[in-house]
Amino acid sequence: MPKKEASYQVSFWRVDVEIAIKGPLHATSPQNPQGVGYMVDRMPSEAVLAAREAAGEPITPVDKLTEEVLEQVGATGPEAEELPQRAVFRRDEKGAFLHDNFIKGHIRDCGDALSRALSFWGLQTFINKTLFVRPERTYLEGEVKVDRWPTHFDIYRKGRVSSFREAEFVESPTLRFNIFLLSDPRWKPSLLQALFDYGAGHGMGGGRGRGMGRYTHTLTPWEKATPQEVWQA
């Protein structure tokens, strides 16, 4: 009698998330081409991208990604080199938005901070490979303004040198998005809750050193989801 072939299926959990930012949410994307190039160069490694592509996630080539980001932050044309050193939100025809990698990066940072405390070694990598944020773009409601504040740098033999930094922000926005988790037994509601509980105090976006980006959050009960729902969301 022939041996029965093993059957493998991939499934996910879906969680709806609502985050209410307390005060201003600062942008983090650089507006000049050099800053965009640096940001893209710090994208996940080829091995990580290959694993995500194997899981079914659509991956954008780096050269195309660079073009998209430059266009979304308004850093195109001959005058781009003269743009101010300002952090801005990415934009399209619908307005300013947060990319899914912005939100996933926040959750990943929380995992990096909690890995030892939760005795979950490699938590940051686990999040990177098994957690997906949808939709790709979470649009910001409210007026986009510019914040400007002084910063100080201690320069050897030159004393203290002052300068100013600028960043776009939206006052007290509410973010609504979905999280899809690979059905891995290591994912538990308490783990996801712990990540957001830490993130609420850690803050999201720029200006965290000034106490900005802190929030309250709501997570809905988990629901089963198919791979098609993840990539089409």
Protein backbone atom coordinates (compact mmCIF):
# COMPACT_ATOMS: atom_id res chain seq x y z
CA MET A 1 0.00 0.00 0.00
CA PRO A 2 1.55 3.34 -1.07
CA LYS A 3 2.62 5.69 1.67
CA LYS A 4 0.25 8.60 2.10
CA GLU A 5 1.86 11.86 1.06
CA ALA A 6 2.06 14.54 3.77
CA SER A 7 -0.19 17.54 3.27
CA TYR A 8 1.06 21.00 4.12
CA GLN A 9 -1.07 24.12 4.36
CA VAL A 10 -0.19 27.70 5.25
CA SER A 11 -2.66 29.73 7.28
CA PHE A 12 -2.65 32.99 9.20
CA TRP A 13 -4.32 34.79 12.06
CA ARG A 14 -5.83 38.23 11.47
CA VAL A 15 -5.94 40.92 14.17
CA ASP A 16 -7.46 44.38 13.67
CA VAL A 17 -5.51 47.12 15.40
CA GLU A 18 -6.44 50.67 16.38
CA ILE A 19 -3.79 53.04 17.73
CA ALA A 20 -4.60 56.50 19.11
CA ILE A 21 -1.48 58.66 19.19
CA LYS A 22 -1.17 61.02 22.17
CA GLY A 23 0.05 64.32 20.74
CA PRO A 24 2.05 64.72 17.53
CA LEU A 25 3.18 61.83 15.35
CA HIS A 26 6.47 62.82 13.70
CA ALA A 27 7.57 61.71 10.24
CA THR A 28 10.87 59.84 9.82
CA SER A 29 11.46 59.61 6.04
CA PRO A 30 14.30 61.89 4.86
CA GLN A 31 13.38 64.33 2.09
CA ASN A 32 16.74 64.48 0.28
CA PRO A 33 18.09 61.81 -2.13
CA GLN A 34 21.14 60.99 0.04
CA GLY A 35 18.89 60.25 3.02
CA VAL A 36 16.56 58.10 0.94
CA GLY A 37 19.52 56.12 -0.39
CA TYR A 38 20.74 55.50 3.16
CA MET A 39 17.26 54.39 4.26
CA VAL A 40 16.90 51.95 1.34
CA ASP A 41 20.39 50.54 1.95
CA ARG A 42 19.25 49.58 5.46
CA MET A 43 16.41 47.44 4.12
CA PRO A 44 16.28 43.72 5.10
CA SER A 45 19.08 41.45 3.85
CA GLU A 46 18.75 39.34 0.71
CA ALA A 47 18.25 36.22 2.82
CA VAL A 48 15.37 37.79 4.75
CA LEU A 49 13.78 39.09 1.54
CA ALA A 50 14.10 35.64 -0.05
CA ALA A 51 12.33 34.06 2.93
CA ARG A 52 9.52 36.61 2.77
CA GLU A 53 9.17 36.11 -0.99
CA ALA A 54 9.02 32.34 -0.50
CA ALA A 55 6.16 32.88 1.96
CA GLY A 56 4.23 34.60 -0.83
CA GLU A 57 4.86 38.26 -0.02
CA PRO A 58 5.27 40.49 -3.12
CA ILE A 59 8.77 42.03 -3.01
CA THR A 60 9.66 45.29 -4.82
CA PRO A 61 13.17 45.43 -6.41
CA VAL A 62 15.52 47.91 -4.69
CA ASP A 63 15.93 50.20 -7.72
CA LYS A 64 12.17 50.47 -8.18
CA LEU A 65 11.70 50.94 -4.43
CA THR A 66 14.19 53.83 -4.45
CA GLU A 67 12.30 55.52 -7.30
CA GLU A 68 8.97 55.10 -5.48
CA VAL A 69 10.27 56.56 -2.22
CA LEU A 70 11.94 59.53 -3.94
CA GLU A 71 8.66 60.34 -5.66
CA GLN A 72 6.60 59.87 -2.48
CA VAL A 73 8.77 62.25 -0.42
CA GLY A 74 9.00 64.81 -3.23
CA ALA A 75 12.76 64.37 -3.77
CA THR A 76 12.78 64.35 -7.58
CA GLY A 77 14.01 66.86 -10.14
CA PRO A 78 17.17 69.00 -10.32
CA GLU A 79 16.22 70.97 -7.19
CA ALA A 80 16.08 67.83 -5.02
CA GLU A 81 19.67 68.26 -3.82
CA GLU A 82 18.72 71.63 -2.32
CA LEU A 83 15.82 70.33 -0.24
CA PRO A 84 16.09 70.99 3.51
CA GLN A 85 17.19 68.29 5.96
CA ARG A 86 13.61 67.58 6.96
CA ALA A 87 11.79 64.37 7.85
CA VAL A 88 8.59 64.05 5.85
CA PHE A 89 5.65 61.70 5.34
CA ARG A 90 5.44 59.75 2.12
CA ARG A 91 2.55 60.83 -0.12
CA ASP A 92 0.51 59.79 -3.11
CA GLU A 93 -2.59 61.18 -4.80
CA LYS A 94 -4.66 60.37 -1.68
CA GLY A 95 -2.39 62.21 0.76
CA ALA A 96 0.19 61.48 3.46
CA PHE A 97 0.50 57.88 4.64
CA LEU A 98 2.50 55.46 6.76
CA HIS A 99 3.98 52.53 4.85
CA ASP A 100 3.46 49.03 6.23
CA ASN A 101 7.22 48.80 6.87
CA PHE A 102 6.98 51.87 9.15
CA ILE A 103 4.48 50.07 11.40
CA LYS A 104 6.21 46.70 11.15
CA GLY A 105 9.51 48.37 12.00
CA HIS A 106 7.96 49.75 15.18
CA ILE A 107 6.74 46.28 16.22
CA ARG A 108 10.12 44.80 15.33
CA ASP A 109 11.89 47.37 17.54
CA CYS A 110 9.59 46.41 20.40
CA GLY A 111 10.50 42.77 19.86
CA ASP A 112 14.20 43.61 19.94
CA ALA A 113 13.75 45.37 23.29
CA LEU A 114 11.62 42.59 24.82
CA SER A 115 13.52 39.53 23.58
CA ARG A 116 15.53 39.05 26.78
CA ALA A 117 12.74 40.14 29.13
CA LEU A 118 10.36 37.58 27.60
CA SER A 119 13.06 34.90 27.21
CA PHE A 120 12.19 34.73 23.52
CA TRP A 121 15.55 34.69 21.75
CA GLY A 122 15.43 35.92 18.16
CA LEU A 123 12.06 37.62 18.66
CA GLN A 124 12.94 40.44 16.25
CA THR A 125 13.75 37.98 13.45
CA PHE A 126 10.64 35.95 14.26
CA ILE A 127 8.48 39.07 13.87
CA ASN A 128 10.20 39.99 10.63
CA LYS A 129 9.42 36.62 9.04
CA THR A 130 5.95 35.86 10.43
CA LEU A 131 4.12 39.18 10.91
CA PHE A 132 2.63 41.24 8.10
CA VAL A 133 0.89 44.63 8.22
CA ARG A 134 -1.97 45.48 5.86
CA PRO A 135 -2.93 47.59 4.06
CA GLU A 136 0.36 48.64 2.51
CA ARG A 137 -0.55 52.30 3.13
CA THR A 138 -2.28 53.66 6.24
CA TYR A 139 -3.44 57.19 5.44
CA LEU A 140 -3.19 59.98 7.99
CA GLU A 141 -6.21 62.08 8.85
CA GLY A 142 -5.61 65.68 9.87
CA GLU A 143 -3.43 68.57 8.74
CA VAL A 144 0.27 67.93 8.15
CA LYS A 145 2.38 70.61 9.86
CA VAL A 146 6.11 71.23 10.32
CA ASP A 147 7.87 71.19 13.69
CA ARG A 148 11.25 72.90 14.18
CA TRP A 149 13.37 72.55 17.29
CA PRO A 150 16.99 73.23 18.36
CA THR A 151 19.50 70.43 18.79
CA HIS A 152 22.97 70.61 20.30
CA PHE A 153 26.15 68.84 19.25
CA ASP A 154 29.34 68.76 21.30
CA ILE A 155 32.21 69.31 18.87
CA TYR A 156 35.71 68.57 20.15
CA ARG A 157 37.74 71.77 20.64
CA LYS A 158 34.91 73.88 19.22
CA GLY A 159 32.56 73.95 22.17
CA ARG A 160 28.81 73.41 21.79
CA VAL A 161 27.36 73.97 18.34
CA SER A 162 23.62 74.50 17.94
CA SER A 163 21.47 73.68 14.94
CA PHE A 164 17.82 73.07 14.14
CA ARG A 165 15.93 70.02 12.99
CA GLU A 166 12.64 69.93 11.10
CA ALA A 167 9.99 67.24 10.75
CA GLU A 168 6.44 67.00 9.52
CA PHE A 169 3.82 65.87 12.01
CA VAL A 170 0.11 65.20 12.41
CA GLU A 171 -1.55 66.00 15.73
CA SER A 172 -3.11 63.04 17.59
CA PRO A 173 -3.98 60.79 14.61
CA THR A 174 -5.80 57.47 14.94
CA LEU A 175 -4.26 54.61 12.96
CA ARG A 176 -6.31 51.59 11.88
CA PHE A 177 -4.70 48.61 10.20
CA ASN A 178 -4.64 44.80 10.16
CA ILE A 179 -1.94 42.45 11.35
CA PHE A 180 -1.61 38.97 9.84
CA LEU A 181 0.38 36.40 11.82
CA LEU A 182 1.66 33.15 10.42
CA SER A 183 -0.02 30.26 12.28
CA ASP A 184 3.08 29.44 14.30
CA PRO A 185 2.50 27.99 17.79
CA ARG A 186 4.89 30.57 19.22
CA TRP A 187 2.39 33.33 18.41
CA LYS A 188 0.03 33.86 21.31
CA PRO A 189 -2.36 36.75 22.08
CA SER A 190 -0.31 37.57 25.19
CA LEU A 191 2.86 37.99 23.10
CA LEU A 192 1.23 40.38 20.63
CA GLN A 193 -0.33 42.30 23.52
CA ALA A 194 3.07 42.58 25.25
CA LEU A 195 4.63 44.06 22.10
CA PHE A 196 2.02 46.79 21.87
CA ASP A 197 2.03 47.39 25.63
CA TYR A 198 5.75 48.13 25.40
CA GLY A 199 5.35 50.15 22.19
CA ALA A 200 2.71 52.36 23.81
CA GLY A 201 5.38 53.75 26.13
CA HIS A 202 8.29 53.47 23.72
CA GLY A 203 6.48 55.58 21.15
CA MET A 204 6.14 55.46 17.37
CA GLY A 205 7.75 57.67 14.76
CA GLY A 206 10.26 60.45 15.27
CA GLY A 207 10.78 62.58 18.37
CA ARG A 208 10.59 59.65 20.79
CA GLY A 209 13.48 61.12 22.75
CA ARG A 210 11.24 64.12 23.37
CA GLY A 211 8.40 61.90 24.60
CA MET A 212 6.44 61.89 21.34
CA GLY A 213 4.60 59.10 19.58
CA ARG A 214 3.14 57.42 22.65
CA TYR A 215 -0.28 55.86 22.24
CA THR A 216 -3.16 53.74 23.45
CA HIS A 217 -4.18 50.68 21.48
CA THR A 218 -6.98 48.19 20.90
CA LEU A 219 -6.57 44.67 19.50
CA THR A 220 -9.55 42.63 18.30
CA PRO A 221 -9.93 38.86 18.88
CA TRP A 222 -7.93 36.70 16.47
CA GLU A 223 -9.59 35.32 13.35
CA LYS A 224 -8.34 32.70 10.90
CA ALA A 225 -7.18 34.00 7.50
CA THR A 226 -5.95 32.46 4.26
CA PRO A 227 -2.76 33.47 2.40
CA GLN A 228 -4.92 35.05 -0.29
CA GLU A 229 -6.49 37.38 2.28
CA VAL A 230 -3.04 38.50 3.43
CA TRP A 231 -1.62 39.44 0.04
CA GLN A 232 -4.87 40.92 -1.29
CA ALA A 233 -5.65 43.04 1.81
